[in-house]
Amino acid sequence: MTAVLPRPRTASPLERVPSPRRYLMCRPEHFEVSYAINPWMDVALGVDRDLALRQWDTLRQTYLDLGHEVEVIPAVPGLPDMVFAANGGLVVEGRALGARFTHAERRAEGPAYLA
């Protein structure tokens, strides 16, 4: 008797194949809303920093648990928006490209990320 086994499944071009990623994060130690440069920022509402820290810790741990690498850039006093680390720059073919922020409130972040 001959058994016919199903063909091995191959990934289609549209199927996502998971792979470990590398993330840069900045702990929200100095996170606050002390100015408004977009419609989502409301100085009057303020920030629950304890909640932000708990959420950040959970997100970082989730990335690690999923097998990703997380690098943490030190938070800089006076730069509350560094928590949005995805805006700090990007790496293309091994070269780091630093951001040049439009708003004066964020300009000092560019050199901090590049360093």
PDB file of N, CA and C in Angstrom:
ATOM      1  N   MET A   1       0.847  -1.169   0.000  1.00  0.00           N
ATOM      2  CA  MET A   1       0.000   0.000   0.000  1.00  0.00           C
ATOM      3  C   MET A   1       0.900   1.242   0.000  1.00  0.00           C
ATOM      4  N   THR A   2       0.538   2.237  -0.783  1.00  0.00           N
ATOM      5  CA  THR A   2       1.283   3.484  -0.886  1.00  0.00           C
ATOM      6  C   THR A   2       0.468   4.594  -0.239  1.00  0.00           C
ATOM      7  N   ALA A   3       1.122   5.330   0.656  1.00  0.00           N
ATOM      8  CA  ALA A   3       0.451   6.474   1.278  1.00  0.00           C
ATOM      9  C   ALA A   3       0.772   7.726   0.481  1.00  0.00           C
ATOM     10  N   VAL A   4      -0.230   8.513   0.234  1.00  0.00           N
ATOM     11  CA  VAL A   4      -0.034   9.779  -0.467  1.00  0.00           C
ATOM     12  C   VAL A   4      -0.126  10.884   0.583  1.00  0.00           C
ATOM     13  N   LEU A   5       0.973  11.564   0.752  1.00  0.00           N
ATOM     14  CA  LEU A   5       1.022  12.645   1.736  1.00  0.00           C
ATOM     15  C   LEU A   5       0.726  13.978   1.068  1.00  0.00           C
ATOM     16  N   PRO A   6       0.142  14.894   1.812  1.00  0.00           N
ATOM     17  CA  PRO A   6      -0.099  16.215   1.220  1.00  0.00           C
ATOM     18  C   PRO A   6       1.233  16.908   0.921  1.00  0.00           C
ATOM     19  N   ARG A   7       1.213  17.743  -0.082  1.00  0.00           N
ATOM     20  CA  ARG A   7       2.415  18.507  -0.429  1.00  0.00           C
ATOM     21  C   ARG A   7       2.775  19.447   0.710  1.00  0.00           C
ATOM     22  N   PRO A   8       4.071  19.658   0.922  1.00  0.00           N
ATOM     23  CA  PRO A   8       4.456  20.650   1.946  1.00  0.00           C
ATOM     24  C   PRO A   8       3.914  22.021   1.551  1.00  0.00           C
ATOM     25  N   ARG A   9       3.449  22.714   2.550  1.00  0.00           N
ATOM     26  CA  ARG A   9       2.888  24.042   2.308  1.00  0.00           C
ATOM     27  C   ARG A   9       4.019  25.040   2.126  1.00  0.00           C
ATOM     28  N   THR A  10       3.952  25.825   1.074  1.00  0.00           N
ATOM     29  CA  THR A  10       4.941  26.880   0.861  1.00  0.00           C
ATOM     30  C   THR A  10       4.253  28.221   1.025  1.00  0.00           C
ATOM     31  N   ALA A  11       5.010  29.181   1.458  1.00  0.00           N
ATOM     32  CA  ALA A  11       4.455  30.521   1.672  1.00  0.00           C
ATOM     33  C   ALA A  11       4.142  31.162   0.324  1.00  0.00           C
ATOM     34  N   SER A  12       2.948  31.711   0.241  1.00  0.00           N
ATOM     35  CA  SER A  12       2.594  32.450  -0.967  1.00  0.00           C
ATOM     36  C   SER A  12       3.249  33.820  -0.897  1.00  0.00           C
ATOM     37  N   PRO A  13       3.367  34.499  -2.033  1.00  0.00           N
ATOM     38  CA  PRO A  13       3.991  35.837  -2.002  1.00  0.00           C
ATOM     39  C   PRO A  13       3.237  36.829  -1.125  1.00  0.00           C
ATOM     40  N   LEU A  14       1.956  36.556  -0.857  1.00  0.00           N
ATOM     41  CA  LEU A  14       1.159  37.485  -0.057  1.00  0.00           C
ATOM     42  C   LEU A  14       1.123  37.101   1.419  1.00  0.00           C
ATOM     43  N   GLU A  15       1.686  35.937   1.760  1.00  0.00           N
ATOM     44  CA  GLU A  15       1.664  35.473   3.131  1.00  0.00           C
ATOM     45  C   GLU A  15       2.831  36.061   3.906  1.00  0.00           C
ATOM     46  N   ARG A  16       2.550  36.560   5.083  1.00  0.00           N
ATOM     47  CA  ARG A  16       3.588  37.147   5.928  1.00  0.00           C
ATOM     48  C   ARG A  16       4.318  36.046   6.679  1.00  0.00           C
ATOM     49  N   VAL A  17       5.605  36.050   6.577  1.00  0.00           N
ATOM     50  CA  VAL A  17       6.439  35.107   7.313  1.00  0.00           C
ATOM     51  C   VAL A  17       7.074  35.876   8.462  1.00  0.00           C
ATOM     52  N   PRO A  18       6.737  35.505   9.714  1.00  0.00           N
ATOM     53  CA  PRO A  18       7.276  36.268  10.841  1.00  0.00           C
ATOM     54  C   PRO A  18       8.787  36.106  10.979  1.00  0.00           C
ATOM     55  N   SER A  19       9.419  37.194  11.341  1.00  0.00           N
ATOM     56  CA  SER A  19      10.856  37.154  11.607  1.00  0.00           C
ATOM     57  C   SER A  19      11.155  38.137  12.731  1.00  0.00           C
ATOM     58  N   PRO A  20      12.184  37.848  13.505  1.00  0.00           N
ATOM     59  CA  PRO A  20      12.522  38.766  14.600  1.00  0.00           C
ATOM     60  C   PRO A  20      12.870  40.154  14.056  1.00  0.00           C
ATOM     61  N   ARG A  21      12.445  41.158  14.769  1.00  0.00           N
ATOM     62  CA  ARG A  21      12.717  42.541  14.392  1.00  0.00           C
ATOM     63  C   ARG A  21      13.520  43.219  15.491  1.00  0.00           C
ATOM     64  N   ARG A  22      14.004  44.381  15.168  1.00  0.00           N
ATOM     65  CA  ARG A  22      14.799  45.170  16.115  1.00  0.00           C
ATOM     66  C   ARG A  22      14.106  46.517  16.300  1.00  0.00           C
ATOM     67  N   TYR A  23      13.805  46.856  17.535  1.00  0.00           N
ATOM     68  CA  TYR A  23      13.078  48.082  17.838  1.00  0.00           C
ATOM     69  C   TYR A  23      13.912  48.998  18.720  1.00  0.00           C
ATOM     70  N   LEU A  24      13.720  50.294  18.536  1.00  0.00           N
ATOM     71  CA  LEU A  24      14.308  51.307  19.409  1.00  0.00           C
ATOM     72  C   LEU A  24      13.173  51.928  20.200  1.00  0.00           C
ATOM     73  N   MET A  25      13.348  51.972  21.506  1.00  0.00           N
ATOM     74  CA  MET A  25      12.329  52.559  22.367  1.00  0.00           C
ATOM     75  C   MET A  25      12.977  53.542  23.334  1.00  0.00           C
ATOM     76  N   CYS A  26      12.179  54.474  23.803  1.00  0.00           N
ATOM     77  CA  CYS A  26      12.625  55.461  24.789  1.00  0.00           C
ATOM     78  C   CYS A  26      11.615  55.456  25.938  1.00  0.00           C
ATOM     79  N   ARG A  27      12.073  55.116  27.126  1.00  0.00           N
ATOM     80  CA  ARG A  27      11.184  55.040  28.292  1.00  0.00           C
ATOM     81  C   ARG A  27      10.600  56.425  28.584  1.00  0.00           C
ATOM     82  N   PRO A  28       9.315  56.505  28.870  1.00  0.00           N
ATOM     83  CA  PRO A  28       8.660  57.813  29.049  1.00  0.00           C
ATOM     84  C   PRO A  28       8.919  58.476  30.399  1.00  0.00           C
ATOM     85  N   GLU A  29      10.160  58.507  30.816  1.00  0.00           N
ATOM     86  CA  GLU A  29      10.512  59.099  32.104  1.00  0.00           C
ATOM     87  C   GLU A  29      10.242  60.599  32.149  1.00  0.00           C
ATOM     88  N   HIS A  30      10.355  61.266  31.004  1.00  0.00           N
ATOM     89  CA  HIS A  30      10.148  62.717  30.947  1.00  0.00           C
ATOM     90  C   HIS A  30       8.944  63.086  30.083  1.00  0.00           C
ATOM     91  N   PHE A  31       8.114  62.092  29.768  1.00  0.00           N
ATOM     92  CA  PHE A  31       6.968  62.325  28.900  1.00  0.00           C
ATOM     93  C   PHE A  31       5.973  63.264  29.576  1.00  0.00           C
ATOM     94  N   GLU A  32       5.543  64.254  28.822  1.00  0.00           N
ATOM     95  CA  GLU A  32       4.521  65.205  29.273  1.00  0.00           C
ATOM     96  C   GLU A  32       3.985  65.918  28.034  1.00  0.00           C
ATOM     97  N   VAL A  33       2.877  66.583  28.207  1.00  0.00           N
ATOM     98  CA  VAL A  33       2.354  67.425  27.132  1.00  0.00           C
ATOM     99  C   VAL A  33       2.447  68.856  27.633  1.00  0.00           C
ATOM    100  N   SER A  34       3.561  69.492  27.307  1.00  0.00           N
ATOM    101  CA  SER A  34       3.801  70.865  27.769  1.00  0.00           C
ATOM    102  C   SER A  34       3.660  71.867  26.635  1.00  0.00           C
ATOM    103  N   TYR A  35       3.383  71.379  25.440  1.00  0.00           N
ATOM    104  CA  TYR A  35       3.145  72.213  24.259  1.00  0.00           C
ATOM    105  C   TYR A  35       2.271  71.409  23.310  1.00  0.00           C
ATOM    106  N   ALA A  36       1.675  72.083  22.342  1.00  0.00           N
ATOM    107  CA  ALA A  36       0.809  71.407  21.373  1.00  0.00           C
ATOM    108  C   ALA A  36       1.295  71.721  19.968  1.00  0.00           C
ATOM    109  N   ILE A  37       1.732  70.659  19.265  1.00  0.00           N
ATOM    110  CA  ILE A  37       2.179  70.846  17.884  1.00  0.00           C
ATOM    111  C   ILE A  37       1.342  70.007  16.914  1.00  0.00           C
ATOM    112  N   ASN A  38       0.302  69.354  17.444  1.00  0.00           N
ATOM    113  CA  ASN A  38      -0.627  68.632  16.590  1.00  0.00           C
ATOM    114  C   ASN A  38      -1.983  68.560  17.286  1.00  0.00           C
ATOM    115  N   PRO A  39      -3.039  68.179  16.596  1.00  0.00           N
ATOM    116  CA  PRO A  39      -4.383  68.187  17.184  1.00  0.00           C
ATOM    117  C   PRO A  39      -4.586  67.198  18.327  1.00  0.00           C
ATOM    118  N   TRP A  40      -3.693  66.218  18.499  1.00  0.00           N
ATOM    119  CA  TRP A  40      -3.856  65.207  19.545  1.00  0.00           C
ATOM    120  C   TRP A  40      -3.235  65.631  20.857  1.00  0.00           C
ATOM    121  N   MET A  41      -2.513  66.733  20.846  1.00  0.00           N
ATOM    122  CA  MET A  41      -1.857  67.202  22.063  1.00  0.00           C
ATOM    123  C   MET A  41      -2.720  68.260  22.730  1.00  0.00           C
ATOM    124  N   ASP A  42      -3.076  68.027  23.986  1.00  0.00           N
ATOM    125  CA  ASP A  42      -3.882  68.984  24.743  1.00  0.00           C
ATOM    126  C   ASP A  42      -3.174  69.254  26.064  1.00  0.00           C
ATOM    127  N   VAL A  43      -2.579  70.417  26.162  1.00  0.00           N
ATOM    128  CA  VAL A  43      -1.808  70.800  27.344  1.00  0.00           C
ATOM    129  C   VAL A  43      -2.672  70.748  28.592  1.00  0.00           C
ATOM    130  N   ALA A  44      -3.966  71.061  28.466  1.00  0.00           N
ATOM    131  CA  ALA A  44      -4.860  71.091  29.625  1.00  0.00           C
ATOM    132  C   ALA A  44      -5.109  69.700  30.202  1.00  0.00           C
ATOM    133  N   LEU A  45      -4.982  68.648  29.392  1.00  0.00           N
ATOM    134  CA  LEU A  45      -5.266  67.293  29.882  1.00  0.00           C
ATOM    135  C   LEU A  45      -4.105  66.676  30.649  1.00  0.00           C
ATOM    136  N   GLY A  46      -2.907  67.044  30.290  1.00  0.00           N
ATOM    137  CA  GLY A  46      -1.741  66.487  30.970  1.00  0.00           C
ATOM    138  C   GLY A  46      -1.524  65.023  30.627  1.00  0.00           C
ATOM    139  N   VAL A  47      -0.671  64.366  31.406  1.00  0.00           N
ATOM    140  CA  VAL A  47      -0.283  62.988  31.159  1.00  0.00           C
ATOM    141  C   VAL A  47      -0.270  62.218  32.477  1.00  0.00           C
ATOM    142  N   ASP A  48      -0.724  60.991  32.427  1.00  0.00           N
ATOM    143  CA  ASP A  48      -0.603  60.084  33.569  1.00  0.00           C
ATOM    144  C   ASP A  48       0.707  59.321  33.361  1.00  0.00           C
ATOM    145  N   ARG A  49       1.795  59.852  33.893  1.00  0.00           N
ATOM    146  CA  ARG A  49       3.122  59.274  33.644  1.00  0.00           C
ATOM    147  C   ARG A  49       3.236  57.853  34.184  1.00  0.00           C
ATOM    148  N   ASP A  50       2.617  57.580  35.345  1.00  0.00           N
ATOM    149  CA  ASP A  50       2.670  56.215  35.898  1.00  0.00           C
ATOM    150  C   ASP A  50       2.014  55.219  34.939  1.00  0.00           C
ATOM    151  N   LEU A  51       0.878  55.603  34.366  1.00  0.00           N
ATOM    152  CA  LEU A  51       0.213  54.737  33.391  1.00  0.00           C
ATOM    153  C   LEU A  51       1.075  54.575  32.142  1.00  0.00           C
ATOM    154  N   ALA A  52       1.667  55.676  31.687  1.00  0.00           N
ATOM    155  CA  ALA A  52       2.527  55.614  30.500  1.00  0.00           C
ATOM    156  C   ALA A  52       3.707  54.683  30.735  1.00  0.00           C
ATOM    157  N   LEU A  53       4.294  54.726  31.918  1.00  0.00           N
ATOM    158  CA  LEU A  53       5.423  53.846  32.244  1.00  0.00           C
ATOM    159  C   LEU A  53       4.996  52.387  32.270  1.00  0.00           C
ATOM    160  N   ARG A  54       3.827  52.104  32.870  1.00  0.00           N
ATOM    161  CA  ARG A  54       3.338  50.718  32.902  1.00  0.00           C
ATOM    162  C   ARG A  54       3.059  50.211  31.493  1.00  0.00           C
ATOM    163  N   GLN A  55       2.421  51.041  30.673  1.00  0.00           N
ATOM    164  CA  GLN A  55       2.123  50.635  29.297  1.00  0.00           C
ATOM    165  C   GLN A  55       3.413  50.410  28.504  1.00  0.00           C
ATOM    166  N   TRP A  56       4.392  51.280  28.698  1.00  0.00           N
ATOM    167  CA  TRP A  56       5.669  51.149  27.998  1.00  0.00           C
ATOM    168  C   TRP A  56       6.359  49.849  28.396  1.00  0.00           C
ATOM    169  N   ASP A  57       6.399  49.562  29.712  1.00  0.00           N
ATOM    170  CA  ASP A  57       7.025  48.329  30.191  1.00  0.00           C
ATOM    171  C   ASP A  57       6.342  47.096  29.596  1.00  0.00           C
ATOM    172  N   THR A  58       5.017  47.130  29.517  1.00  0.00           N
ATOM    173  CA  THR A  58       4.265  46.008  28.947  1.00  0.00           C
ATOM    174  C   THR A  58       4.571  45.841  27.463  1.00  0.00           C
ATOM    175  N   LEU A  59       4.626  46.932  26.725  1.00  0.00           N
ATOM    176  CA  LEU A  59       4.929  46.856  25.292  1.00  0.00           C
ATOM    177  C   LEU A  59       6.339  46.315  25.071  1.00  0.00           C
ATOM    178  N   ARG A  60       7.301  46.821  25.807  1.00  0.00           N
ATOM    179  CA  ARG A  60       8.682  46.336  25.678  1.00  0.00           C
ATOM    180  C   ARG A  60       8.754  44.843  25.966  1.00  0.00           C
ATOM    181  N   GLN A  61       8.121  44.417  27.047  1.00  0.00           N
ATOM    182  CA  GLN A  61       8.164  42.999  27.409  1.00  0.00           C
ATOM    183  C   GLN A  61       7.461  42.140  26.353  1.00  0.00           C
ATOM    184  N   THR A  62       6.383  42.648  25.771  1.00  0.00           N
ATOM    185  CA  THR A  62       5.677  41.912  24.709  1.00  0.00           C
ATOM    186  C   THR A  62       6.588  41.703  23.514  1.00  0.00           C
ATOM    187  N   TYR A  63       7.298  42.752  23.095  1.00  0.00           N
ATOM    188  CA  TYR A  63       8.258  42.608  21.996  1.00  0.00           C
ATOM    189  C   TYR A  63       9.296  41.538  22.319  1.00  0.00           C
ATOM    190  N   LEU A  64       9.847  41.591  23.535  1.00  0.00           N
ATOM    191  CA  LEU A  64      10.865  40.618  23.938  1.00  0.00           C
ATOM    192  C   LEU A  64      10.292  39.199  23.952  1.00  0.00           C
ATOM    193  N   ASP A  65       9.087  39.049  24.500  1.00  0.00           N
ATOM    194  CA  ASP A  65       8.448  37.733  24.566  1.00  0.00           C
ATOM    195  C   ASP A  65       8.190  37.153  23.178  1.00  0.00           C
ATOM    196  N   LEU A  66       7.998  38.016  22.196  1.00  0.00           N
ATOM    197  CA  LEU A  66       7.760  37.569  20.822  1.00  0.00           C
ATOM    198  C   LEU A  66       9.061  37.295  20.068  1.00  0.00           C
ATOM    199  N   GLY A  67      10.186  37.465  20.754  1.00  0.00           N
ATOM    200  CA  GLY A  67      11.471  37.155  20.147  1.00  0.00           C
ATOM    201  C   GLY A  67      12.150  38.311  19.446  1.00  0.00           C
ATOM    202  N   HIS A  68      11.648  39.515  19.639  1.00  0.00           N
ATOM    203  CA  HIS A  68      12.251  40.685  19.020  1.00  0.00           C
ATOM    204  C   HIS A  68      13.362  41.246  19.906  1.00  0.00           C
ATOM    205  N   GLU A  69      14.199  42.067  19.320  1.00  0.00           N
ATOM    206  CA  GLU A  69      15.268  42.751  20.050  1.00  0.00           C
ATOM    207  C   GLU A  69      14.803  44.185  20.323  1.00  0.00           C
ATOM    208  N   VAL A  70      15.015  44.650  21.525  1.00  0.00           N
ATOM    209  CA  VAL A  70      14.631  46.019  21.890  1.00  0.00           C
ATOM    210  C   VAL A  70      15.863  46.750  22.412  1.00  0.00           C
ATOM    211  N   GLU A  71      16.193  47.839  21.758  1.00  0.00           N
ATOM    212  CA  GLU A  71      17.243  48.722  22.263  1.00  0.00           C
ATOM    213  C   GLU A  71      16.556  49.940  22.862  1.00  0.00           C
ATOM    214  N   VAL A  72      17.109  50.436  23.946  1.00  0.00           N
ATOM    215  CA  VAL A  72      16.503  51.573  24.647  1.00  0.00           C
ATOM    216  C   VAL A  72      17.461  52.753  24.588  1.00  0.00           C
ATOM    217  N   ILE A  73      16.959  53.864  24.062  1.00  0.00           N
ATOM    218  CA  ILE A  73      17.730  55.104  24.044  1.00  0.00           C
ATOM    219  C   ILE A  73      17.398  55.857  25.334  1.00  0.00           C
ATOM    220  N   PRO A  74      18.404  56.430  25.993  1.00  0.00           N
ATOM    221  CA  PRO A  74      18.117  57.156  27.237  1.00  0.00           C
ATOM    222  C   PRO A  74      17.213  58.361  26.982  1.00  0.00           C
ATOM    223  N   ALA A  75      16.257  58.539  27.880  1.00  0.00           N
ATOM    224  CA  ALA A  75      15.387  59.709  27.821  1.00  0.00           C
ATOM    225  C   ALA A  75      16.194  60.946  28.213  1.00  0.00           C
ATOM    226  N   VAL A  76      15.926  62.056  27.534  1.00  0.00           N
ATOM    227  CA  VAL A  76      16.639  63.299  27.812  1.00  0.00           C
ATOM    228  C   VAL A  76      15.662  64.294  28.449  1.00  0.00           C
ATOM    229  N   PRO A  77      15.989  64.831  29.634  1.00  0.00           N
ATOM    230  CA  PRO A  77      15.125  65.834  30.247  1.00  0.00           C
ATOM    231  C   PRO A  77      14.894  66.997  29.277  1.00  0.00           C
ATOM    232  N   GLY A  78      13.658  67.472  29.223  1.00  0.00           N
ATOM    233  CA  GLY A  78      13.325  68.589  28.340  1.00  0.00           C
ATOM    234  C   GLY A  78      12.916  68.165  26.941  1.00  0.00           C
ATOM    235  N   LEU A  79      13.014  66.855  26.636  1.00  0.00           N
ATOM    236  CA  LEU A  79      12.596  66.339  25.330  1.00  0.00           C
ATOM    237  C   LEU A  79      11.511  65.278  25.543  1.00  0.00           C
ATOM    238  N   PRO A  80      10.289  65.722  25.916  1.00  0.00           N
ATOM    239  CA  PRO A  80       9.236  64.773  26.279  1.00  0.00           C
ATOM    240  C   PRO A  80       8.757  63.887  25.131  1.00  0.00           C
ATOM    241  N   ASP A  81       8.949  64.310  23.896  1.00  0.00           N
ATOM    242  CA  ASP A  81       8.453  63.528  22.760  1.00  0.00           C
ATOM    243  C   ASP A  81       9.437  62.470  22.267  1.00  0.00           C
ATOM    244  N   MET A  82      10.554  62.295  22.968  1.00  0.00           N
ATOM    245  CA  MET A  82      11.479  61.228  22.580  1.00  0.00           C
ATOM    246  C   MET A  82      10.835  59.854  22.711  1.00  0.00           C
ATOM    247  N   VAL A  83       9.734  59.759  23.451  1.00  0.00           N
ATOM    248  CA  VAL A  83       9.047  58.471  23.578  1.00  0.00           C
ATOM    249  C   VAL A  83       8.542  57.988  22.224  1.00  0.00           C
ATOM    250  N   PHE A  84       8.399  58.892  21.270  1.00  0.00           N
ATOM    251  CA  PHE A  84       7.969  58.514  19.927  1.00  0.00           C
ATOM    252  C   PHE A  84       9.213  58.213  19.093  1.00  0.00           C
ATOM    253  N   ALA A  85       9.918  57.162  19.498  1.00  0.00           N
ATOM    254  CA  ALA A  85      11.229  56.844  18.936  1.00  0.00           C
ATOM    255  C   ALA A  85      11.190  56.508  17.453  1.00  0.00           C
ATOM    256  N   ALA A  86      10.037  56.117  16.934  1.00  0.00           N
ATOM    257  CA  ALA A  86       9.953  55.805  15.500  1.00  0.00           C
ATOM    258  C   ALA A  86      10.232  57.036  14.648  1.00  0.00           C
ATOM    259  N   ASN A  87      10.113  58.218  15.233  1.00  0.00           N
ATOM    260  CA  ASN A  87      10.341  59.458  14.499  1.00  0.00           C
ATOM    261  C   ASN A  87      11.797  59.907  14.494  1.00  0.00           C
ATOM    262  N   GLY A  88      12.661  59.231  15.243  1.00  0.00           N
ATOM    263  CA  GLY A  88      14.034  59.687  15.434  1.00  0.00           C
ATOM    264  C   GLY A  88      14.975  59.465  14.265  1.00  0.00           C
ATOM    265  N   GLY A  89      14.592  58.637  13.347  1.00  0.00           N
ATOM    266  CA  GLY A  89      15.444  58.352  12.195  1.00  0.00           C
ATOM    267  C   GLY A  89      15.171  56.963  11.674  1.00  0.00           C
ATOM    268  N   LEU A  90      15.995  56.522  10.753  1.00  0.00           N
ATOM    269  CA  LEU A  90      15.870  55.174  10.255  1.00  0.00           C
ATOM    270  C   LEU A  90      17.215  54.692   9.759  1.00  0.00           C
ATOM    271  N   VAL A  91      17.308  53.390   9.589  1.00  0.00           N
ATOM    272  CA  VAL A  91      18.539  52.788   9.106  1.00  0.00           C
ATOM    273  C   VAL A  91      18.253  52.191   7.734  1.00  0.00           C
ATOM    274  N   VAL A  92      19.063  52.587   6.754  1.00  0.00           N
ATOM    275  CA  VAL A  92      18.935  52.084   5.386  1.00  0.00           C
ATOM    276  C   VAL A  92      20.276  51.485   4.986  1.00  0.00           C
ATOM    277  N   GLU A  93      20.257  50.208   4.688  1.00  0.00           N
ATOM    278  CA  GLU A  93      21.473  49.488   4.276  1.00  0.00           C
ATOM    279  C   GLU A  93      22.640  49.738   5.242  1.00  0.00           C
ATOM    280  N   GLY A  94      22.328  49.689   6.535  1.00  0.00           N
ATOM    281  CA  GLY A  94      23.366  49.835   7.548  1.00  0.00           C
ATOM    282  C   GLY A  94      23.785  51.257   7.866  1.00  0.00           C
ATOM    283  N   ARG A  95      23.171  52.231   7.217  1.00  0.00           N
ATOM    284  CA  ARG A  95      23.510  53.638   7.483  1.00  0.00           C
ATOM    285  C   ARG A  95      22.374  54.306   8.247  1.00  0.00           C
ATOM    286  N   ALA A  96      22.732  54.991   9.321  1.00  0.00           N
ATOM    287  CA  ALA A  96      21.739  55.690  10.131  1.00  0.00           C
ATOM    288  C   ALA A  96      21.461  57.064   9.534  1.00  0.00           C
ATOM    289  N   LEU A  97      20.193  57.350   9.350  1.00  0.00           N
ATOM    290  CA  LEU A  97      19.761  58.665   8.859  1.00  0.00           C
ATOM    291  C   LEU A  97      18.981  59.332   9.985  1.00  0.00           C
ATOM    292  N   GLY A  98      19.499  60.427  10.497  1.00  0.00           N
ATOM    293  CA  GLY A  98      18.854  61.125  11.601  1.00  0.00           C
ATOM    294  C   GLY A  98      17.743  62.050  11.119  1.00  0.00           C
ATOM    295  N   ALA A  99      16.762  62.225  11.974  1.00  0.00           N
ATOM    296  CA  ALA A  99      15.622  63.090  11.654  1.00  0.00           C
ATOM    297  C   ALA A  99      15.993  64.556  11.853  1.00  0.00           C
ATOM    298  N   ARG A 100      15.364  65.395  11.046  1.00  0.00           N
ATOM    299  CA  ARG A 100      15.423  66.850  11.244  1.00  0.00           C
ATOM    300  C   ARG A 100      13.977  67.285  11.452  1.00  0.00           C
ATOM    301  N   PHE A 101      13.641  67.543  12.681  1.00  0.00           N
ATOM    302  CA  PHE A 101      12.259  67.835  13.039  1.00  0.00           C
ATOM    303  C   PHE A 101      11.847  69.240  12.624  1.00  0.00           C
ATOM    304  N   THR A 102      10.623  69.366  12.174  1.00  0.00           N
ATOM    305  CA  THR A 102      10.073  70.641  11.724  1.00  0.00           C
ATOM    306  C   THR A 102       9.845  71.601  12.891  1.00  0.00           C
ATOM    307  N   HIS A 103       9.239  71.076  13.952  1.00  0.00           N
ATOM    308  CA  HIS A 103       8.866  71.933  15.077  1.00  0.00           C
ATOM    309  C   HIS A 103      10.062  72.175  16.001  1.00  0.00           C
ATOM    310  N   ALA A 104      10.227  73.424  16.403  1.00  0.00           N
ATOM    311  CA  ALA A 104      11.347  73.823  17.261  1.00  0.00           C
ATOM    312  C   ALA A 104      11.394  73.004  18.549  1.00  0.00           C
ATOM    313  N   GLU A 105      10.212  72.636  19.066  1.00  0.00           N
ATOM    314  CA  GLU A 105      10.143  71.885  20.321  1.00  0.00           C
ATOM    315  C   GLU A 105      10.807  70.512  20.209  1.00  0.00           C
ATOM    316  N   ARG A 106      10.925  69.992  18.994  1.00  0.00           N
ATOM    317  CA  ARG A 106      11.486  68.643  18.813  1.00  0.00           C
ATOM    318  C   ARG A 106      12.871  68.639  18.173  1.00  0.00           C
ATOM    319  N   ARG A 107      13.368  69.779  17.746  1.00  0.00           N
ATOM    320  CA  ARG A 107      14.640  69.802  17.006  1.00  0.00           C
ATOM    321  C   ARG A 107      15.812  69.178  17.735  1.00  0.00           C
ATOM    322  N   ALA A 108      15.889  69.356  19.040  1.00  0.00           N
ATOM    323  CA  ALA A 108      17.028  68.803  19.804  1.00  0.00           C
ATOM    324  C   ALA A 108      17.021  67.274  19.846  1.00  0.00           C
ATOM    325  N   GLU A 109      15.894  66.664  19.490  1.00  0.00           N
ATOM    326  CA  GLU A 109      15.830  65.204  19.468  1.00  0.00           C
ATOM    327  C   GLU A 109      16.716  64.616  18.358  1.00  0.00           C
ATOM    328  N   GLY A 110      16.803  65.297  17.229  1.00  0.00           N
ATOM    329  CA  GLY A 110      17.576  64.780  16.110  1.00  0.00           C
ATOM    330  C   GLY A 110      18.988  64.398  16.492  1.00  0.00           C
ATOM    331  N   PRO A 111      19.765  65.324  17.058  1.00  0.00           N
ATOM    332  CA  PRO A 111      21.132  64.982  17.476  1.00  0.00           C
ATOM    333  C   PRO A 111      21.163  63.919  18.584  1.00  0.00           C
ATOM    334  N   ALA A 112      20.169  63.908  19.468  1.00  0.00           N
ATOM    335  CA  ALA A 112      20.142  62.909  20.539  1.00  0.00           C
ATOM    336  C   ALA A 112      19.976  61.507  19.949  1.00  0.00           C
ATOM    337  N   TYR A 113      19.102  61.358  18.982  1.00  0.00           N
ATOM    338  CA  TYR A 113      18.918  60.063  18.325  1.00  0.00           C
ATOM    339  C   TYR A 113      20.141  59.673  17.507  1.00  0.00           C
ATOM    340  N   LEU A 114      20.697  60.610  16.783  1.00  0.00           N
ATOM    341  CA  LEU A 114      21.843  60.298  15.921  1.00  0.00           C
ATOM    342  C   LEU A 114      23.050  59.841  16.744  1.00  0.00           C
ATOM    343  N   ALA A 115      23.229  60.477  17.902  1.00  0.00           N
ATOM    344  CA  ALA A 115      24.348  60.069  18.775  1.00  0.00           C
ATOM    345  C   ALA A 115      24.149  58.644  19.244  1.00  0.00           C
TER     346      ALA A 115
END
